[in-house]
Amino acid sequence: IGPLAALLLLTIGADLRLVFVVAFVPGVFSALFASRATEVAPTAPPRARPSLWAGDRRFLLFLGVVAVFSIGNSSDVFLLLRAADVGLSERSVVLAYVMYNVLYMLAALPLGSLSDRLGRAPVLVGGLLVFASVYAGFAFVDEARWVWPLFAVYGIYIAATDGVTKALIVDIVPQEHRGAAIGAHGAVTAGAILIASLIAGILWDTVSTGAPFVLGAACAVTAAALLPMALRGATHDAIA
């Protein structure tokens, strides 16, 4: 809905400044609603517990796999730039991004449910391989018409990895460390994506506009191969 609203505003003549002002409003309401949320109080008294980093090494290995993948997972802005580079108009780029979000929305619940039945790792590996195929496509695409199916498939990747990754962390980390573990995952991901975007910008300017996507595809395939080994011995939900 957000990208469509932005496109509508631009179509009727609004400038980008107004688009950002409008986007600010639902953000404020979201913060107000979140402040009203309540949590269930713990039923057991606090007790001494080992550090997150002193626990099961599978989580550390999993973070390593996440870092390998994220080094190639540059900002989605590069996908939009690549779409424009092969001839998609500005409005078409926005619509392609809307389509990506629609496919993400439609596939998230079925793929999350599939991970409950098959295990997290198979769904995550599948999502990484989908990412690799999409990035390989963006690396070599030379006609605007191919951008549409690539963005559609890209929505499947995020649906197979976003929520499922957090569910996997919950599976393999003790309850008292789950919040810290998800925070550590976010920190590793954000740091690696920052580096990935810097590398992608350098490759874009000095090698070719397709080079960042070749790197991304290679990192995703490598992470897909390493993931089952990192989770070896995890619970059934994580790697069955």
C-alpha atoms as a PDB file:
ATOM      1  CA  ILE A   1       0.000   0.000   0.000  1.00  0.00           C
ATOM      2  CA  GLY A   2       2.847   2.386   0.842  1.00  0.00           C
ATOM      3  CA  PRO A   3       4.554   2.340  -2.569  1.00  0.00           C
ATOM      4  CA  LEU A   4       1.150   2.595  -4.294  1.00  0.00           C
ATOM      5  CA  ALA A   5       0.261   5.623  -2.175  1.00  0.00           C
ATOM      6  CA  ALA A   6       3.591   7.229  -3.072  1.00  0.00           C
ATOM      7  CA  LEU A   7       2.994   6.546  -6.758  1.00  0.00           C
ATOM      8  CA  LEU A   8      -0.501   8.063  -6.529  1.00  0.00           C
ATOM      9  CA  LEU A   9       0.829  11.209  -4.870  1.00  0.00           C
ATOM     10  CA  LEU A  10       3.534  11.621  -7.494  1.00  0.00           C
ATOM     11  CA  THR A  11       0.992  11.017 -10.272  1.00  0.00           C
ATOM     12  CA  ILE A  12      -1.251  13.837  -9.042  1.00  0.00           C
ATOM     13  CA  GLY A  13       1.696  16.230  -8.926  1.00  0.00           C
ATOM     14  CA  ALA A  14       2.942  16.023  -5.327  1.00  0.00           C
ATOM     15  CA  ASP A  15       6.661  16.480  -4.743  1.00  0.00           C
ATOM     16  CA  LEU A  16       8.892  14.062  -2.854  1.00  0.00           C
ATOM     17  CA  ARG A  17       8.860  16.250   0.252  1.00  0.00           C
ATOM     18  CA  LEU A  18       5.091  15.750   0.600  1.00  0.00           C
ATOM     19  CA  VAL A  19       5.496  11.994   0.079  1.00  0.00           C
ATOM     20  CA  PHE A  20       7.849  11.828   3.066  1.00  0.00           C
ATOM     21  CA  VAL A  21       5.495  13.958   5.186  1.00  0.00           C
ATOM     22  CA  VAL A  22       2.614  11.606   4.430  1.00  0.00           C
ATOM     23  CA  ALA A  23       4.778   8.571   5.238  1.00  0.00           C
ATOM     24  CA  PHE A  24       5.622  10.163   8.596  1.00  0.00           C
ATOM     25  CA  VAL A  25       1.991  10.059   9.778  1.00  0.00           C
ATOM     26  CA  PRO A  26       1.424   6.257   9.936  1.00  0.00           C
ATOM     27  CA  GLY A  27       4.847   5.927  11.545  1.00  0.00           C
ATOM     28  CA  VAL A  28       3.690   8.158  14.419  1.00  0.00           C
ATOM     29  CA  PHE A  29       0.466   6.179  14.831  1.00  0.00           C
ATOM     30  CA  SER A  30       2.434   2.907  14.823  1.00  0.00           C
ATOM     31  CA  ALA A  31       4.624   4.187  17.651  1.00  0.00           C
ATOM     32  CA  LEU A  32       1.544   5.251  19.641  1.00  0.00           C
ATOM     33  CA  PHE A  33      -0.121   1.867  19.198  1.00  0.00           C
ATOM     34  CA  ALA A  34       3.083   0.026  20.120  1.00  0.00           C
ATOM     35  CA  SER A  35       3.359   2.061  23.327  1.00  0.00           C
ATOM     36  CA  ARG A  36      -0.010   0.645  24.395  1.00  0.00           C
ATOM     37  CA  ALA A  37       1.146  -2.963  24.130  1.00  0.00           C
ATOM     38  CA  THR A  38       1.458  -4.987  27.317  1.00  0.00           C
ATOM     39  CA  GLU A  39       3.655  -7.959  28.103  1.00  0.00           C
ATOM     40  CA  VAL A  40       2.990 -11.016  30.218  1.00  0.00           C
ATOM     41  CA  ALA A  41       5.007 -10.904  33.428  1.00  0.00           C
ATOM     42  CA  PRO A  42       7.490 -13.780  33.908  1.00  0.00           C
ATOM     43  CA  THR A  43       6.147 -16.594  36.072  1.00  0.00           C
ATOM     44  CA  ALA A  44       9.541 -17.666  37.446  1.00  0.00           C
ATOM     45  CA  PRO A  45      11.953 -15.503  39.485  1.00  0.00           C
ATOM     46  CA  PRO A  46      15.153 -14.345  37.748  1.00  0.00           C
ATOM     47  CA  ARG A  47      18.062 -16.729  38.041  1.00  0.00           C
ATOM     48  CA  ALA A  48      21.732 -16.722  37.161  1.00  0.00           C
ATOM     49  CA  ARG A  49      22.306 -17.752  33.583  1.00  0.00           C
ATOM     50  CA  PRO A  50      25.303 -18.169  31.310  1.00  0.00           C
ATOM     51  CA  SER A  51      26.061 -15.627  28.638  1.00  0.00           C
ATOM     52  CA  LEU A  52      24.458 -16.018  25.223  1.00  0.00           C
ATOM     53  CA  TRP A  53      27.945 -16.503  23.779  1.00  0.00           C
ATOM     54  CA  ALA A  54      28.725 -19.323  26.233  1.00  0.00           C
ATOM     55  CA  GLY A  55      25.806 -21.428  25.029  1.00  0.00           C
ATOM     56  CA  ASP A  56      25.262 -23.659  22.027  1.00  0.00           C
ATOM     57  CA  ARG A  57      27.832 -22.913  19.298  1.00  0.00           C
ATOM     58  CA  ARG A  58      25.221 -23.524  16.610  1.00  0.00           C
ATOM     59  CA  PHE A  59      23.939 -19.993  17.067  1.00  0.00           C
ATOM     60  CA  LEU A  60      27.416 -18.539  16.514  1.00  0.00           C
ATOM     61  CA  LEU A  61      27.853 -20.705  13.426  1.00  0.00           C
ATOM     62  CA  PHE A  62      24.442 -19.577  12.205  1.00  0.00           C
ATOM     63  CA  LEU A  63      25.478 -15.939  12.648  1.00  0.00           C
ATOM     64  CA  GLY A  64      28.549 -16.719  10.560  1.00  0.00           C
ATOM     65  CA  VAL A  65      26.361 -18.067   7.770  1.00  0.00           C
ATOM     66  CA  VAL A  66      24.161 -14.959   8.024  1.00  0.00           C
ATOM     67  CA  ALA A  67      27.252 -12.766   7.668  1.00  0.00           C
ATOM     68  CA  VAL A  68      28.423 -14.687   4.576  1.00  0.00           C
ATOM     69  CA  PHE A  69      25.049 -14.206   2.917  1.00  0.00           C
ATOM     70  CA  SER A  70      24.630 -10.583   3.994  1.00  0.00           C
ATOM     71  CA  ILE A  71      27.984  -9.531   2.517  1.00  0.00           C
ATOM     72  CA  GLY A  72      26.345 -10.087  -0.873  1.00  0.00           C
ATOM     73  CA  ASN A  73      22.906  -8.797   0.108  1.00  0.00           C
ATOM     74  CA  SER A  74      23.296  -5.122  -0.729  1.00  0.00           C
ATOM     75  CA  SER A  75      20.504  -2.588  -0.367  1.00  0.00           C
ATOM     76  CA  ASP A  76      17.389  -3.150  -2.480  1.00  0.00           C
ATOM     77  CA  VAL A  77      18.084   0.286  -3.956  1.00  0.00           C
ATOM     78  CA  PHE A  78      20.548  -1.454  -6.274  1.00  0.00           C
ATOM     79  CA  LEU A  79      17.719  -3.644  -7.597  1.00  0.00           C
ATOM     80  CA  LEU A  80      15.680  -0.529  -8.343  1.00  0.00           C
ATOM     81  CA  LEU A  81      18.662   1.148  -9.989  1.00  0.00           C
ATOM     82  CA  ARG A  82      19.288  -1.944 -12.083  1.00  0.00           C
ATOM     83  CA  ALA A  83      15.642  -2.021 -13.157  1.00  0.00           C
ATOM     84  CA  ALA A  84      15.924   1.578 -14.314  1.00  0.00           C
ATOM     85  CA  ASP A  85      19.295   0.809 -15.922  1.00  0.00           C
ATOM     86  CA  VAL A  86      17.721  -1.738 -18.285  1.00  0.00           C
ATOM     87  CA  GLY A  87      14.948   0.628 -19.311  1.00  0.00           C
ATOM     88  CA  LEU A  88      12.097   0.445 -16.796  1.00  0.00           C
ATOM     89  CA  SER A  89      10.411   3.822 -16.264  1.00  0.00           C
ATOM     90  CA  GLU A  90      10.299   5.392 -12.797  1.00  0.00           C
ATOM     91  CA  ARG A  91       6.624   4.525 -12.361  1.00  0.00           C
ATOM     92  CA  SER A  92       7.178   0.990 -13.596  1.00  0.00           C
ATOM     93  CA  VAL A  93      10.014   0.562 -11.099  1.00  0.00           C
ATOM     94  CA  VAL A  94       7.628   1.518  -8.286  1.00  0.00           C
ATOM     95  CA  LEU A  95       4.975  -0.880  -9.600  1.00  0.00           C
ATOM     96  CA  ALA A  96       7.521  -3.689  -9.818  1.00  0.00           C
ATOM     97  CA  TYR A  97       8.420  -3.036  -6.194  1.00  0.00           C
ATOM     98  CA  VAL A  98       4.717  -3.121  -5.302  1.00  0.00           C
ATOM     99  CA  MET A  99       4.441  -6.502  -7.000  1.00  0.00           C
ATOM    100  CA  TYR A 100       7.391  -7.742  -4.943  1.00  0.00           C
ATOM    101  CA  ASN A 101       5.581  -6.686  -1.760  1.00  0.00           C
ATOM    102  CA  VAL A 102       2.340  -8.348  -2.871  1.00  0.00           C
ATOM    103  CA  LEU A 103       4.096 -11.665  -3.532  1.00  0.00           C
ATOM    104  CA  TYR A 104       5.884 -11.362  -0.185  1.00  0.00           C
ATOM    105  CA  MET A 105       2.558 -10.797   1.568  1.00  0.00           C
ATOM    106  CA  LEU A 106       0.853 -13.739  -0.162  1.00  0.00           C
ATOM    107  CA  ALA A 107       3.716 -16.214   0.347  1.00  0.00           C
ATOM    108  CA  ALA A 108       4.816 -15.360   3.909  1.00  0.00           C
ATOM    109  CA  LEU A 109       2.135 -17.329   5.766  1.00  0.00           C
ATOM    110  CA  PRO A 110       2.255 -20.477   3.568  1.00  0.00           C
ATOM    111  CA  LEU A 111       6.055 -20.632   3.694  1.00  0.00           C
ATOM    112  CA  GLY A 112       6.117 -19.988   7.425  1.00  0.00           C
ATOM    113  CA  SER A 113       3.611 -22.796   7.867  1.00  0.00           C
ATOM    114  CA  LEU A 114       5.723 -25.018   5.618  1.00  0.00           C
ATOM    115  CA  SER A 115       8.706 -24.431   7.895  1.00  0.00           C
ATOM    116  CA  ASP A 116       6.596 -25.686  10.809  1.00  0.00           C
ATOM    117  CA  ARG A 117       6.048 -28.955   8.967  1.00  0.00           C
ATOM    118  CA  LEU A 118       9.319 -29.520   7.095  1.00  0.00           C
ATOM    119  CA  GLY A 119      11.726 -27.650   9.377  1.00  0.00           C
ATOM    120  CA  ARG A 120      13.290 -24.205   9.193  1.00  0.00           C
ATOM    121  CA  ALA A 121      16.499 -25.096   7.388  1.00  0.00           C
ATOM    122  CA  PRO A 122      14.975 -26.542   4.194  1.00  0.00           C
ATOM    123  CA  VAL A 123      12.786 -23.463   3.743  1.00  0.00           C
ATOM    124  CA  LEU A 124      15.699 -21.123   4.466  1.00  0.00           C
ATOM    125  CA  VAL A 125      17.976 -22.955   2.033  1.00  0.00           C
ATOM    126  CA  GLY A 126      15.257 -22.743  -0.594  1.00  0.00           C
ATOM    127  CA  GLY A 127      14.889 -19.016   0.036  1.00  0.00           C
ATOM    128  CA  LEU A 128      18.630 -18.458  -0.318  1.00  0.00           C
ATOM    129  CA  LEU A 129      18.675 -20.339  -3.614  1.00  0.00           C
ATOM    130  CA  VAL A 130      15.735 -18.249  -4.844  1.00  0.00           C
ATOM    131  CA  PHE A 131      17.720 -15.130  -3.909  1.00  0.00           C
ATOM    132  CA  ALA A 132      20.717 -16.465  -5.837  1.00  0.00           C
ATOM    133  CA  SER A 133      18.610 -17.087  -8.932  1.00  0.00           C
ATOM    134  CA  VAL A 134      17.071 -13.601  -8.789  1.00  0.00           C
ATOM    135  CA  TYR A 135      20.444 -11.905  -8.357  1.00  0.00           C
ATOM    136  CA  ALA A 136      21.910 -13.949 -11.181  1.00  0.00           C
ATOM    137  CA  GLY A 137      18.989 -12.795 -13.306  1.00  0.00           C
ATOM    138  CA  PHE A 138      19.589  -9.146 -12.415  1.00  0.00           C
ATOM    139  CA  ALA A 139      23.280  -9.583 -13.192  1.00  0.00           C
ATOM    140  CA  PHE A 140      22.647 -10.570 -16.797  1.00  0.00           C
ATOM    141  CA  VAL A 141      19.218  -9.108 -17.643  1.00  0.00           C
ATOM    142  CA  ASP A 142      19.300  -6.789 -20.635  1.00  0.00           C
ATOM    143  CA  GLU A 143      15.591  -6.159 -21.287  1.00  0.00           C
ATOM    144  CA  ALA A 144      13.092  -4.378 -19.066  1.00  0.00           C
ATOM    145  CA  ARG A 145      10.424  -7.059 -19.488  1.00  0.00           C
ATOM    146  CA  TRP A 146      12.485  -9.549 -17.467  1.00  0.00           C
ATOM    147  CA  VAL A 147      12.493  -7.277 -14.423  1.00  0.00           C
ATOM    148  CA  TRP A 148       8.841  -8.076 -13.659  1.00  0.00           C
ATOM    149  CA  PRO A 149       9.227 -11.844 -13.102  1.00  0.00           C
ATOM    150  CA  LEU A 150      12.496 -11.278 -11.255  1.00  0.00           C
ATOM    151  CA  PHE A 151      10.836  -8.946  -8.755  1.00  0.00           C
ATOM    152  CA  ALA A 152       7.937 -11.374  -8.385  1.00  0.00           C
ATOM    153  CA  VAL A 153      10.283 -14.242  -7.516  1.00  0.00           C
ATOM    154  CA  TYR A 154      12.231 -11.942  -5.194  1.00  0.00           C
ATOM    155  CA  GLY A 155       9.096 -11.703  -3.060  1.00  0.00           C
ATOM    156  CA  ILE A 156       9.267 -15.482  -2.568  1.00  0.00           C
ATOM    157  CA  TYR A 157      12.827 -15.165  -1.232  1.00  0.00           C
ATOM    158  CA  ILE A 158      11.930 -12.683   1.499  1.00  0.00           C
ATOM    159  CA  ALA A 159       8.811 -14.661   2.436  1.00  0.00           C
ATOM    160  CA  ALA A 160      10.933 -17.796   2.882  1.00  0.00           C
ATOM    161  CA  THR A 161      13.624 -16.140   4.999  1.00  0.00           C
ATOM    162  CA  ASP A 162      12.410 -13.140   6.990  1.00  0.00           C
ATOM    163  CA  GLY A 163      10.093 -14.665   9.588  1.00  0.00           C
ATOM    164  CA  VAL A 164      11.550 -18.165   9.275  1.00  0.00           C
ATOM    165  CA  THR A 165      14.999 -16.901  10.304  1.00  0.00           C
ATOM    166  CA  LYS A 166      13.609 -15.485  13.551  1.00  0.00           C
ATOM    167  CA  ALA A 167      11.665 -18.695  14.170  1.00  0.00           C
ATOM    168  CA  LEU A 168      14.870 -20.699  13.737  1.00  0.00           C
ATOM    169  CA  ILE A 169      16.670 -18.493  16.267  1.00  0.00           C
ATOM    170  CA  VAL A 170      13.863 -19.138  18.750  1.00  0.00           C
ATOM    171  CA  ASP A 171      14.264 -22.889  18.117  1.00  0.00           C
ATOM    172  CA  ILE A 172      17.994 -23.098  18.782  1.00  0.00           C
ATOM    173  CA  VAL A 173      18.497 -20.503  21.538  1.00  0.00           C
ATOM    174  CA  PRO A 174      17.389 -20.935  25.192  1.00  0.00           C
ATOM    175  CA  GLN A 175      14.313 -18.909  26.108  1.00  0.00           C
ATOM    176  CA  GLU A 176      16.193 -16.500  28.381  1.00  0.00           C
ATOM    177  CA  HIS A 177      18.467 -15.451  25.491  1.00  0.00           C
ATOM    178  CA  ARG A 178      16.000 -15.196  22.620  1.00  0.00           C
ATOM    179  CA  GLY A 179      15.679 -11.407  22.669  1.00  0.00           C
ATOM    180  CA  ALA A 180      19.445 -10.953  22.783  1.00  0.00           C
ATOM    181  CA  ALA A 181      19.919 -13.523  20.010  1.00  0.00           C
ATOM    182  CA  ILE A 182      17.454 -11.795  17.686  1.00  0.00           C
ATOM    183  CA  GLY A 183      19.180  -8.489  18.488  1.00  0.00           C
ATOM    184  CA  ALA A 184      22.586 -10.011  17.699  1.00  0.00           C
ATOM    185  CA  HIS A 185      21.214 -11.310  14.411  1.00  0.00           C
ATOM    186  CA  GLY A 186      19.947  -7.830  13.557  1.00  0.00           C
ATOM    187  CA  ALA A 187      23.303  -6.264  14.404  1.00  0.00           C
ATOM    188  CA  VAL A 188      25.271  -8.746  12.292  1.00  0.00           C
ATOM    189  CA  THR A 189      22.846  -8.373   9.402  1.00  0.00           C
ATOM    190  CA  ALA A 190      22.872  -4.567   9.494  1.00  0.00           C
ATOM    191  CA  GLY A 191      26.657  -4.361   9.713  1.00  0.00           C
ATOM    192  CA  ALA A 192      27.170  -6.825   6.890  1.00  0.00           C
ATOM    193  CA  ILE A 193      24.588  -5.119   4.660  1.00  0.00           C
ATOM    194  CA  LEU A 194      26.328  -1.775   5.196  1.00  0.00           C
ATOM    195  CA  ILE A 195      29.587  -3.342   4.013  1.00  0.00           C
ATOM    196  CA  ALA A 196      27.731  -5.109   1.181  1.00  0.00           C
ATOM    197  CA  SER A 197      26.246  -1.849  -0.062  1.00  0.00           C
ATOM    198  CA  LEU A 198      29.639  -0.129  -0.039  1.00  0.00           C
ATOM    199  CA  ILE A 199      31.141  -3.032  -1.993  1.00  0.00           C
ATOM    200  CA  ALA A 200      28.190  -3.049  -4.392  1.00  0.00           C
ATOM    201  CA  GLY A 201      28.607   0.671  -5.058  1.00  0.00           C
ATOM    202  CA  ILE A 202      32.294   0.214  -5.833  1.00  0.00           C
ATOM    203  CA  LEU A 203      31.575  -2.746  -8.123  1.00  0.00           C
ATOM    204  CA  TRP A 204      28.779  -0.811  -9.849  1.00  0.00           C
ATOM    205  CA  ASP A 205      31.106   2.116 -10.603  1.00  0.00           C
ATOM    206  CA  THR A 206      34.318   0.270 -11.397  1.00  0.00           C
ATOM    207  CA  VAL A 207      33.338  -3.110 -12.874  1.00  0.00           C
ATOM    208  CA  SER A 208      29.777  -3.202 -14.216  1.00  0.00           C
ATOM    209  CA  THR A 209      26.184  -2.673 -13.130  1.00  0.00           C
ATOM    210  CA  GLY A 210      25.736  -6.449 -13.023  1.00  0.00           C
ATOM    211  CA  ALA A 211      28.782  -7.164 -10.832  1.00  0.00           C
ATOM    212  CA  PRO A 212      27.079  -6.544  -7.437  1.00  0.00           C
ATOM    213  CA  PHE A 213      24.481  -9.165  -8.306  1.00  0.00           C
ATOM    214  CA  VAL A 214      27.062 -11.763  -9.274  1.00  0.00           C
ATOM    215  CA  LEU A 215      28.606 -11.297  -5.820  1.00  0.00           C
ATOM    216  CA  GLY A 216      25.191 -11.540  -4.183  1.00  0.00           C
ATOM    217  CA  ALA A 217      24.324 -14.767  -5.988  1.00  0.00           C
ATOM    218  CA  ALA A 218      27.684 -16.321  -5.049  1.00  0.00           C
ATOM    219  CA  CYS A 219      27.293 -15.400  -1.371  1.00  0.00           C
ATOM    220  CA  ALA A 220      23.756 -16.810  -1.279  1.00  0.00           C
ATOM    221  CA  VAL A 221      24.807 -20.143  -2.793  1.00  0.00           C
ATOM    222  CA  THR A 222      27.713 -20.359  -0.335  1.00  0.00           C
ATOM    223  CA  ALA A 223      25.427 -19.619   2.627  1.00  0.00           C
ATOM    224  CA  ALA A 224      22.883 -22.203   1.415  1.00  0.00           C
ATOM    225  CA  ALA A 225      25.646 -24.843   1.356  1.00  0.00           C
ATOM    226  CA  LEU A 226      26.946 -23.887   4.818  1.00  0.00           C
ATOM    227  CA  LEU A 227      23.608 -23.593   6.616  1.00  0.00           C
ATOM    228  CA  PRO A 228      22.854 -27.330   7.124  1.00  0.00           C
ATOM    229  CA  MET A 229      26.376 -27.886   8.442  1.00  0.00           C
ATOM    230  CA  ALA A 230      26.061 -24.968  10.879  1.00  0.00           C
ATOM    231  CA  LEU A 231      22.791 -26.351  12.246  1.00  0.00           C
ATOM    232  CA  ARG A 232      23.860 -29.981  12.455  1.00  0.00           C
ATOM    233  CA  GLY A 233      22.385 -31.502  15.587  1.00  0.00           C
ATOM    234  CA  ALA A 234      19.766 -28.782  16.049  1.00  0.00           C
ATOM    235  CA  THR A 235      16.188 -29.518  17.006  1.00  0.00           C
ATOM    236  CA  HIS A 236      13.768 -31.124  14.578  1.00  0.00           C
ATOM    237  CA  ASP A 237      12.013 -27.808  13.988  1.00  0.00           C
ATOM    238  CA  ALA A 238      15.284 -26.183  12.980  1.00  0.00           C
ATOM    239  CA  ILE A 239      16.770 -28.681  10.553  1.00  0.00           C
ATOM    240  CA  ALA A 240      14.437 -31.650  10.069  1.00  0.00           C
END
